[in-house]
Amino acid sequence: MIACANIIPSISSCYKWKGKICNTTETLLLIKTVKSKKKIITNEVKRMHSYKTPCIGFLEFKDINKGYEIWVKKNSY
């Protein structure tokens, strides 16, 4: 489903949860894939994630080097 994933551990996070301010460390996952995989990836992350409401966001690159774009498209199946 994805061409590449970057896993960035130990990011400091500050958020409000159940009326309290929490300071914890989390891991950031960046996934490179094609737009057509959005729904299946969202469902899979929700299924696997330990949070009831994980942050799942999508960024669209409108200006990316052509070689990388081709590689992502070729490897996202």
PDB file of N, CA and C in Angstrom:
ATOM      1  N   MET A   1       0.806  -1.211   0.000  1.00  0.00           N
ATOM      2  CA  MET A   1       0.000   0.000   0.000  1.00  0.00           C
ATOM      3  C   MET A   1       0.843   1.268   0.000  1.00  0.00           C
ATOM      4  N   ILE A   2       2.089   1.158   0.501  1.00  0.00           N
ATOM      5  CA  ILE A   2       2.926   2.349   0.616  1.00  0.00           C
ATOM      6  C   ILE A   2       4.258   2.118  -0.083  1.00  0.00           C
ATOM      7  N   ALA A   3       4.879   3.210  -0.484  1.00  0.00           N
ATOM      8  CA  ALA A   3       6.212   3.133  -1.072  1.00  0.00           C
ATOM      9  C   ALA A   3       7.283   3.215   0.007  1.00  0.00           C
ATOM     10  N   CYS A   4       7.000   3.970   1.064  1.00  0.00           N
ATOM     11  CA  CYS A   4       8.015   4.224   2.087  1.00  0.00           C
ATOM     12  C   CYS A   4       7.348   4.694   3.372  1.00  0.00           C
ATOM     13  N   ALA A   5       7.983   4.388   4.495  1.00  0.00           N
ATOM     14  CA  ALA A   5       7.528   4.908   5.793  1.00  0.00           C
ATOM     15  C   ALA A   5       8.739   5.366   6.582  1.00  0.00           C
ATOM     16  N   ASN A   6       8.602   6.526   7.224  1.00  0.00           N
ATOM     17  CA  ASN A   6       9.619   7.026   8.145  1.00  0.00           C
ATOM     18  C   ASN A   6       9.035   6.954   9.545  1.00  0.00           C
ATOM     19  N   ILE A   7       9.764   6.337  10.456  1.00  0.00           N
ATOM     20  CA  ILE A   7       9.325   6.203  11.842  1.00  0.00           C
ATOM     21  C   ILE A   7      10.255   7.059  12.693  1.00  0.00           C
ATOM     22  N   ILE A   8       9.684   8.097  13.310  1.00  0.00           N
ATOM     23  CA  ILE A   8      10.469   9.045  14.089  1.00  0.00           C
ATOM     24  C   ILE A   8      10.059   8.901  15.557  1.00  0.00           C
ATOM     25  N   PRO A   9      10.884   8.238  16.368  1.00  0.00           N
ATOM     26  CA  PRO A   9      10.527   7.976  17.766  1.00  0.00           C
ATOM     27  C   PRO A   9      10.806   9.169  18.676  1.00  0.00           C
ATOM     28  N   SER A  10      10.219   9.114  19.837  1.00  0.00           N
ATOM     29  CA  SER A  10      10.511  10.045  20.950  1.00  0.00           C
ATOM     30  C   SER A  10      10.238  11.511  20.642  1.00  0.00           C
ATOM     31  N   ILE A  11       9.101  11.797  20.059  1.00  0.00           N
ATOM     32  CA  ILE A  11       8.676  13.174  19.844  1.00  0.00           C
ATOM     33  C   ILE A  11       7.898  13.617  21.082  1.00  0.00           C
ATOM     34  N   SER A  12       8.218  14.791  21.602  1.00  0.00           N
ATOM     35  CA  SER A  12       7.499  15.326  22.760  1.00  0.00           C
ATOM     36  C   SER A  12       6.137  15.826  22.313  1.00  0.00           C
ATOM     37  N   SER A  13       5.094  15.402  23.002  1.00  0.00           N
ATOM     38  CA  SER A  13       3.729  15.805  22.676  1.00  0.00           C
ATOM     39  C   SER A  13       3.051  16.393  23.906  1.00  0.00           C
ATOM     40  N   CYS A  14       2.305  17.447  23.677  1.00  0.00           N
ATOM     41  CA  CYS A  14       1.516  18.097  24.729  1.00  0.00           C
ATOM     42  C   CYS A  14       0.094  18.208  24.194  1.00  0.00           C
ATOM     43  N   TYR A  15      -0.875  17.661  24.942  1.00  0.00           N
ATOM     44  CA  TYR A  15      -2.248  17.655  24.470  1.00  0.00           C
ATOM     45  C   TYR A  15      -3.209  17.565  25.653  1.00  0.00           C
ATOM     46  N   LYS A  16      -4.454  17.902  25.372  1.00  0.00           N
ATOM     47  CA  LYS A  16      -5.499  17.819  26.385  1.00  0.00           C
ATOM     48  C   LYS A  16      -6.237  16.503  26.206  1.00  0.00           C
ATOM     49  N   TRP A  17      -6.381  15.747  27.300  1.00  0.00           N
ATOM     50  CA  TRP A  17      -7.061  14.464  27.254  1.00  0.00           C
ATOM     51  C   TRP A  17      -7.850  14.276  28.527  1.00  0.00           C
ATOM     52  N   LYS A  18      -9.149  14.076  28.381  1.00  0.00           N
ATOM     53  CA  LYS A  18     -10.057  13.866  29.512  1.00  0.00           C
ATOM     54  C   LYS A  18      -9.928  14.981  30.542  1.00  0.00           C
ATOM     55  N   GLY A  19      -9.858  16.232  30.030  1.00  0.00           N
ATOM     56  CA  GLY A  19      -9.824  17.406  30.893  1.00  0.00           C
ATOM     57  C   GLY A  19      -8.471  17.736  31.498  1.00  0.00           C
ATOM     58  N   LYS A  20      -7.442  16.993  31.182  1.00  0.00           N
ATOM     59  CA  LYS A  20      -6.116  17.235  31.734  1.00  0.00           C
ATOM     60  C   LYS A  20      -5.113  17.508  30.617  1.00  0.00           C
ATOM     61  N   ILE A  21      -4.094  18.304  30.950  1.00  0.00           N
ATOM     62  CA  ILE A  21      -2.998  18.536  30.020  1.00  0.00           C
ATOM     63  C   ILE A  21      -1.989  17.406  30.201  1.00  0.00           C
ATOM     64  N   CYS A  22      -1.649  16.740  29.127  1.00  0.00           N
ATOM     65  CA  CYS A  22      -0.708  15.612  29.160  1.00  0.00           C
ATOM     66  C   CYS A  22       0.567  15.981  28.415  1.00  0.00           C
ATOM     67  N   ASN A  23       1.683  15.554  28.938  1.00  0.00           N
ATOM     68  CA  ASN A  23       2.977  15.678  28.283  1.00  0.00           C
ATOM     69  C   ASN A  23       3.560  14.282  28.183  1.00  0.00           C
ATOM     70  N   THR A  24       3.714  13.795  26.966  1.00  0.00           N
ATOM     71  CA  THR A  24       4.218  12.444  26.757  1.00  0.00           C
ATOM     72  C   THR A  24       5.169  12.426  25.561  1.00  0.00           C
ATOM     73  N   THR A  25       5.738  11.275  25.325  1.00  0.00           N
ATOM     74  CA  THR A  25       6.482  11.081  24.084  1.00  0.00           C
ATOM     75  C   THR A  25       5.690  10.143  23.194  1.00  0.00           C
ATOM     76  N   GLU A  26       5.732  10.425  21.928  1.00  0.00           N
ATOM     77  CA  GLU A  26       5.028   9.624  20.941  1.00  0.00           C
ATOM     78  C   GLU A  26       5.974   9.335  19.783  1.00  0.00           C
ATOM     79  N   THR A  27       5.509   8.528  18.856  1.00  0.00           N
ATOM     80  CA  THR A  27       6.256   8.234  17.640  1.00  0.00           C
ATOM     81  C   THR A  27       5.481   8.798  16.457  1.00  0.00           C
ATOM     82  N   LEU A  28       6.192   9.453  15.551  1.00  0.00           N
ATOM     83  CA  LEU A  28       5.581  10.014  14.345  1.00  0.00           C
ATOM     84  C   LEU A  28       5.826   9.063  13.180  1.00  0.00           C
ATOM     85  N   LEU A  29       4.784   8.749  12.455  1.00  0.00           N
ATOM     86  CA  LEU A  29       4.875   7.890  11.289  1.00  0.00           C
ATOM     87  C   LEU A  29       4.524   8.710  10.057  1.00  0.00           C
ATOM     88  N   LEU A  30       5.464   8.802   9.119  1.00  0.00           N
ATOM     89  CA  LEU A  30       5.225   9.473   7.843  1.00  0.00           C
ATOM     90  C   LEU A  30       5.192   8.403   6.761  1.00  0.00           C
ATOM     91  N   ILE A  31       4.118   8.387   6.007  1.00  0.00           N
ATOM     92  CA  ILE A  31       3.936   7.374   4.973  1.00  0.00           C
ATOM     93  C   ILE A  31       3.893   8.059   3.613  1.00  0.00           C
ATOM     94  N   LYS A  32       4.634   7.518   2.661  1.00  0.00           N
ATOM     95  CA  LYS A  32       4.585   8.017   1.287  1.00  0.00           C
ATOM     96  C   LYS A  32       3.829   7.011   0.440  1.00  0.00           C
ATOM     97  N   THR A  33       2.765   7.489  -0.185  1.00  0.00           N
ATOM     98  CA  THR A  33       1.917   6.630  -0.999  1.00  0.00           C
ATOM     99  C   THR A  33       1.159   7.479  -2.007  1.00  0.00           C
ATOM    100  N   VAL A  34       0.235   6.876  -2.705  1.00  0.00           N
ATOM    101  CA  VAL A  34      -0.590   7.586  -3.681  1.00  0.00           C
ATOM    102  C   VAL A  34      -1.964   7.882  -3.086  1.00  0.00           C
ATOM    103  N   LYS A  35      -2.615   8.901  -3.625  1.00  0.00           N
ATOM    104  CA  LYS A  35      -3.897   9.374  -3.101  1.00  0.00           C
ATOM    105  C   LYS A  35      -4.969   8.279  -3.065  1.00  0.00           C
ATOM    106  N   SER A  36      -4.931   7.371  -4.018  1.00  0.00           N
ATOM    107  CA  SER A  36      -5.954   6.325  -4.103  1.00  0.00           C
ATOM    108  C   SER A  36      -5.909   5.351  -2.916  1.00  0.00           C
ATOM    109  N   LYS A  37      -4.844   5.364  -2.148  1.00  0.00           N
ATOM    110  CA  LYS A  37      -4.699   4.463  -0.992  1.00  0.00           C
ATOM    111  C   LYS A  37      -5.169   5.102   0.323  1.00  0.00           C
ATOM    112  N   LYS A  38      -5.667   6.328   0.260  1.00  0.00           N
ATOM    113  CA  LYS A  38      -6.039   7.089   1.455  1.00  0.00           C
ATOM    114  C   LYS A  38      -7.009   6.334   2.380  1.00  0.00           C
ATOM    115  N   LYS A  39      -8.087   5.819   1.835  1.00  0.00           N
ATOM    116  CA  LYS A  39      -9.110   5.165   2.661  1.00  0.00           C
ATOM    117  C   LYS A  39      -8.577   3.887   3.310  1.00  0.00           C
ATOM    118  N   ILE A  40      -7.909   3.049   2.539  1.00  0.00           N
ATOM    119  CA  ILE A  40      -7.419   1.786   3.080  1.00  0.00           C
ATOM    120  C   ILE A  40      -6.331   2.020   4.141  1.00  0.00           C
ATOM    121  N   ILE A  41      -5.483   3.016   3.925  1.00  0.00           N
ATOM    122  CA  ILE A  41      -4.448   3.324   4.915  1.00  0.00           C
ATOM    123  C   ILE A  41      -5.074   3.895   6.183  1.00  0.00           C
ATOM    124  N   THR A  42      -6.050   4.777   6.045  1.00  0.00           N
ATOM    125  CA  THR A  42      -6.754   5.316   7.214  1.00  0.00           C
ATOM    126  C   THR A  42      -7.359   4.185   8.036  1.00  0.00           C
ATOM    127  N   ASN A  43      -8.042   3.270   7.390  1.00  0.00           N
ATOM    128  CA  ASN A  43      -8.662   2.153   8.103  1.00  0.00           C
ATOM    129  C   ASN A  43      -7.628   1.263   8.783  1.00  0.00           C
ATOM    130  N   GLU A  44      -6.521   1.023   8.106  1.00  0.00           N
ATOM    131  CA  GLU A  44      -5.484   0.159   8.659  1.00  0.00           C
ATOM    132  C   GLU A  44      -4.801   0.807   9.871  1.00  0.00           C
ATOM    133  N   VAL A  45      -4.521   2.098   9.783  1.00  0.00           N
ATOM    134  CA  VAL A  45      -3.909   2.801  10.920  1.00  0.00           C
ATOM    135  C   VAL A  45      -4.861   2.790  12.111  1.00  0.00           C
ATOM    136  N   LYS A  46      -6.135   3.072  11.879  1.00  0.00           N
ATOM    137  CA  LYS A  46      -7.123   3.033  12.971  1.00  0.00           C
ATOM    138  C   LYS A  46      -7.188   1.645  13.607  1.00  0.00           C
ATOM    139  N   ARG A  47      -7.129   0.616  12.795  1.00  0.00           N
ATOM    140  CA  ARG A  47      -7.206  -0.757  13.292  1.00  0.00           C
ATOM    141  C   ARG A  47      -5.999  -1.098  14.161  1.00  0.00           C
ATOM    142  N   MET A  48      -4.830  -0.640  13.760  1.00  0.00           N
ATOM    143  CA  MET A  48      -3.599  -1.024  14.441  1.00  0.00           C
ATOM    144  C   MET A  48      -3.200  -0.090  15.593  1.00  0.00           C
ATOM    145  N   HIS A  49      -3.689   1.144  15.575  1.00  0.00           N
ATOM    146  CA  HIS A  49      -3.232   2.148  16.537  1.00  0.00           C
ATOM    147  C   HIS A  49      -3.790   1.903  17.930  1.00  0.00           C
ATOM    148  N   SER A  50      -2.985   2.223  18.943  1.00  0.00           N
ATOM    149  CA  SER A  50      -3.420   2.034  20.328  1.00  0.00           C
ATOM    150  C   SER A  50      -4.345   3.155  20.805  1.00  0.00           C
ATOM    151  N   TYR A  51      -4.345   4.304  20.125  1.00  0.00           N
ATOM    152  CA  TYR A  51      -5.217   5.418  20.520  1.00  0.00           C
ATOM    153  C   TYR A  51      -6.622   5.204  19.966  1.00  0.00           C
ATOM    154  N   LYS A  52      -7.611   5.638  20.718  1.00  0.00           N
ATOM    155  CA  LYS A  52      -8.990   5.587  20.238  1.00  0.00           C
ATOM    156  C   LYS A  52      -9.179   6.559  19.064  1.00  0.00           C
ATOM    157  N   THR A  53      -8.515   7.709  19.145  1.00  0.00           N
ATOM    158  CA  THR A  53      -8.621   8.732  18.114  1.00  0.00           C
ATOM    159  C   THR A  53      -7.223   9.170  17.670  1.00  0.00           C
ATOM    160  N   PRO A  54      -6.561   8.386  16.830  1.00  0.00           N
ATOM    161  CA  PRO A  54      -5.236   8.799  16.369  1.00  0.00           C
ATOM    162  C   PRO A  54      -5.329   9.936  15.350  1.00  0.00           C
ATOM    163  N   CYS A  55      -4.279  10.713  15.248  1.00  0.00           N
ATOM    164  CA  CYS A  55      -4.203  11.764  14.227  1.00  0.00           C
ATOM    165  C   CYS A  55      -3.748  11.119  12.922  1.00  0.00           C
ATOM    166  N   ILE A  56      -4.601  11.204  11.926  1.00  0.00           N
ATOM    167  CA  ILE A  56      -4.270  10.699  10.599  1.00  0.00           C
ATOM    168  C   ILE A  56      -4.534  11.843   9.626  1.00  0.00           C
ATOM    169  N   GLY A  57      -3.488  12.368   9.036  1.00  0.00           N
ATOM    170  CA  GLY A  57      -3.627  13.498   8.119  1.00  0.00           C
ATOM    171  C   GLY A  57      -2.905  13.205   6.815  1.00  0.00           C
ATOM    172  N   PHE A  58      -3.309  13.880   5.766  1.00  0.00           N
ATOM    173  CA  PHE A  58      -2.716  13.670   4.458  1.00  0.00           C
ATOM    174  C   PHE A  58      -2.260  15.000   3.885  1.00  0.00           C
ATOM    175  N   LEU A  59      -1.046  15.009   3.362  1.00  0.00           N
ATOM    176  CA  LEU A  59      -0.492  16.175   2.689  1.00  0.00           C
ATOM    177  C   LEU A  59      -0.318  15.838   1.219  1.00  0.00           C
ATOM    178  N   GLU A  60      -0.731  16.745   0.360  1.00  0.00           N
ATOM    179  CA  GLU A  60      -0.562  16.525  -1.070  1.00  0.00           C
ATOM    180  C   GLU A  60       0.616  17.366  -1.557  1.00  0.00           C
ATOM    181  N   PHE A  61       1.574  16.712  -2.172  1.00  0.00           N
ATOM    182  CA  PHE A  61       2.719  17.410  -2.725  1.00  0.00           C
ATOM    183  C   PHE A  61       2.401  17.812  -4.153  1.00  0.00           C
ATOM    184  N   LYS A  62       2.363  19.109  -4.394  1.00  0.00           N
ATOM    185  CA  LYS A  62       2.058  19.597  -5.731  1.00  0.00           C
ATOM    186  C   LYS A  62       3.327  19.894  -6.515  1.00  0.00           C
ATOM    187  N   ASP A  63       4.434  19.984  -5.831  1.00  0.00           N
ATOM    188  CA  ASP A  63       5.701  20.276  -6.500  1.00  0.00           C
ATOM    189  C   ASP A  63       6.771  19.369  -5.900  1.00  0.00           C
ATOM    190  N   ILE A  64       6.941  18.191  -6.490  1.00  0.00           N
ATOM    191  CA  ILE A  64       7.886  17.203  -6.003  1.00  0.00           C
ATOM    192  C   ILE A  64       8.724  16.738  -7.196  1.00  0.00           C
ATOM    193  N   ASN A  65       9.973  16.381  -6.936  1.00  0.00           N
ATOM    194  CA  ASN A  65      10.811  15.970  -8.061  1.00  0.00           C
ATOM    195  C   ASN A  65      10.209  14.749  -8.773  1.00  0.00           C
ATOM    196  N   LYS A  66      10.218  14.788 -10.071  1.00  0.00           N
ATOM    197  CA  LYS A  66       9.524  13.804 -10.906  1.00  0.00           C
ATOM    198  C   LYS A  66       9.999  12.373 -10.650  1.00  0.00           C
ATOM    199  N   GLY A  67      11.297  12.193 -10.475  1.00  0.00           N
ATOM    200  CA  GLY A  67      11.820  10.853 -10.234  1.00  0.00           C
ATOM    201  C   GLY A  67      11.250  10.227  -8.977  1.00  0.00           C
ATOM    202  N   TYR A  68      11.128  11.027  -7.904  1.00  0.00           N
ATOM    203  CA  TYR A  68      10.571  10.515  -6.648  1.00  0.00           C
ATOM    204  C   TYR A  68       9.080  10.218  -6.812  1.00  0.00           C
ATOM    205  N   GLU A  69       8.375  11.093  -7.495  1.00  0.00           N
ATOM    206  CA  GLU A  69       6.951  10.877  -7.737  1.00  0.00           C
ATOM    207  C   GLU A  69       6.717   9.562  -8.493  1.00  0.00           C
ATOM    208  N   ILE A  70       7.506   9.314  -9.507  1.00  0.00           N
ATOM    209  CA  ILE A  70       7.383   8.074 -10.280  1.00  0.00           C
ATOM    210  C   ILE A  70       7.678   6.870  -9.397  1.00  0.00           C
ATOM    211  N   TRP A  71       8.712   6.968  -8.567  1.00  0.00           N
ATOM    212  CA  TRP A  71       9.081   5.875  -7.666  1.00  0.00           C
ATOM    213  C   TRP A  71       7.938   5.554  -6.694  1.00  0.00           C
ATOM    214  N   VAL A  72       7.320   6.591  -6.109  1.00  0.00           N
ATOM    215  CA  VAL A  72       6.208   6.381  -5.175  1.00  0.00           C
ATOM    216  C   VAL A  72       5.046   5.700  -5.894  1.00  0.00           C
ATOM    217  N   LYS A  73       4.704   6.192  -7.059  1.00  0.00           N
ATOM    218  CA  LYS A  73       3.595   5.596  -7.813  1.00  0.00           C
ATOM    219  C   LYS A  73       3.879   4.135  -8.171  1.00  0.00           C
ATOM    220  N   LYS A  74       5.103   3.843  -8.542  1.00  0.00           N
ATOM    221  CA  LYS A  74       5.486   2.475  -8.926  1.00  0.00           C
ATOM    222  C   LYS A  74       5.460   1.527  -7.746  1.00  0.00           C
ATOM    223  N   ASN A  75       5.742   2.036  -6.545  1.00  0.00           N
ATOM    224  CA  ASN A  75       5.896   1.181  -5.375  1.00  0.00           C
ATOM    225  C   ASN A  75       4.741   1.213  -4.379  1.00  0.00           C
ATOM    226  N   SER A  76       3.665   1.889  -4.713  1.00  0.00           N
ATOM    227  CA  SER A  76       2.472   1.937  -3.845  1.00  0.00           C
ATOM    228  C   SER A  76       1.388   1.042  -4.439  1.00  0.00           C
ATOM    229  N   TYR A  77       1.364  -0.195  -4.015  1.00  0.00           N
ATOM    230  CA  TYR A  77       0.387  -1.145  -4.552  1.00  0.00           C
ATOM    231  C   TYR A  77      -0.324  -1.882  -3.468  1.00  0.00           C
TER     232      TYR A  77
END
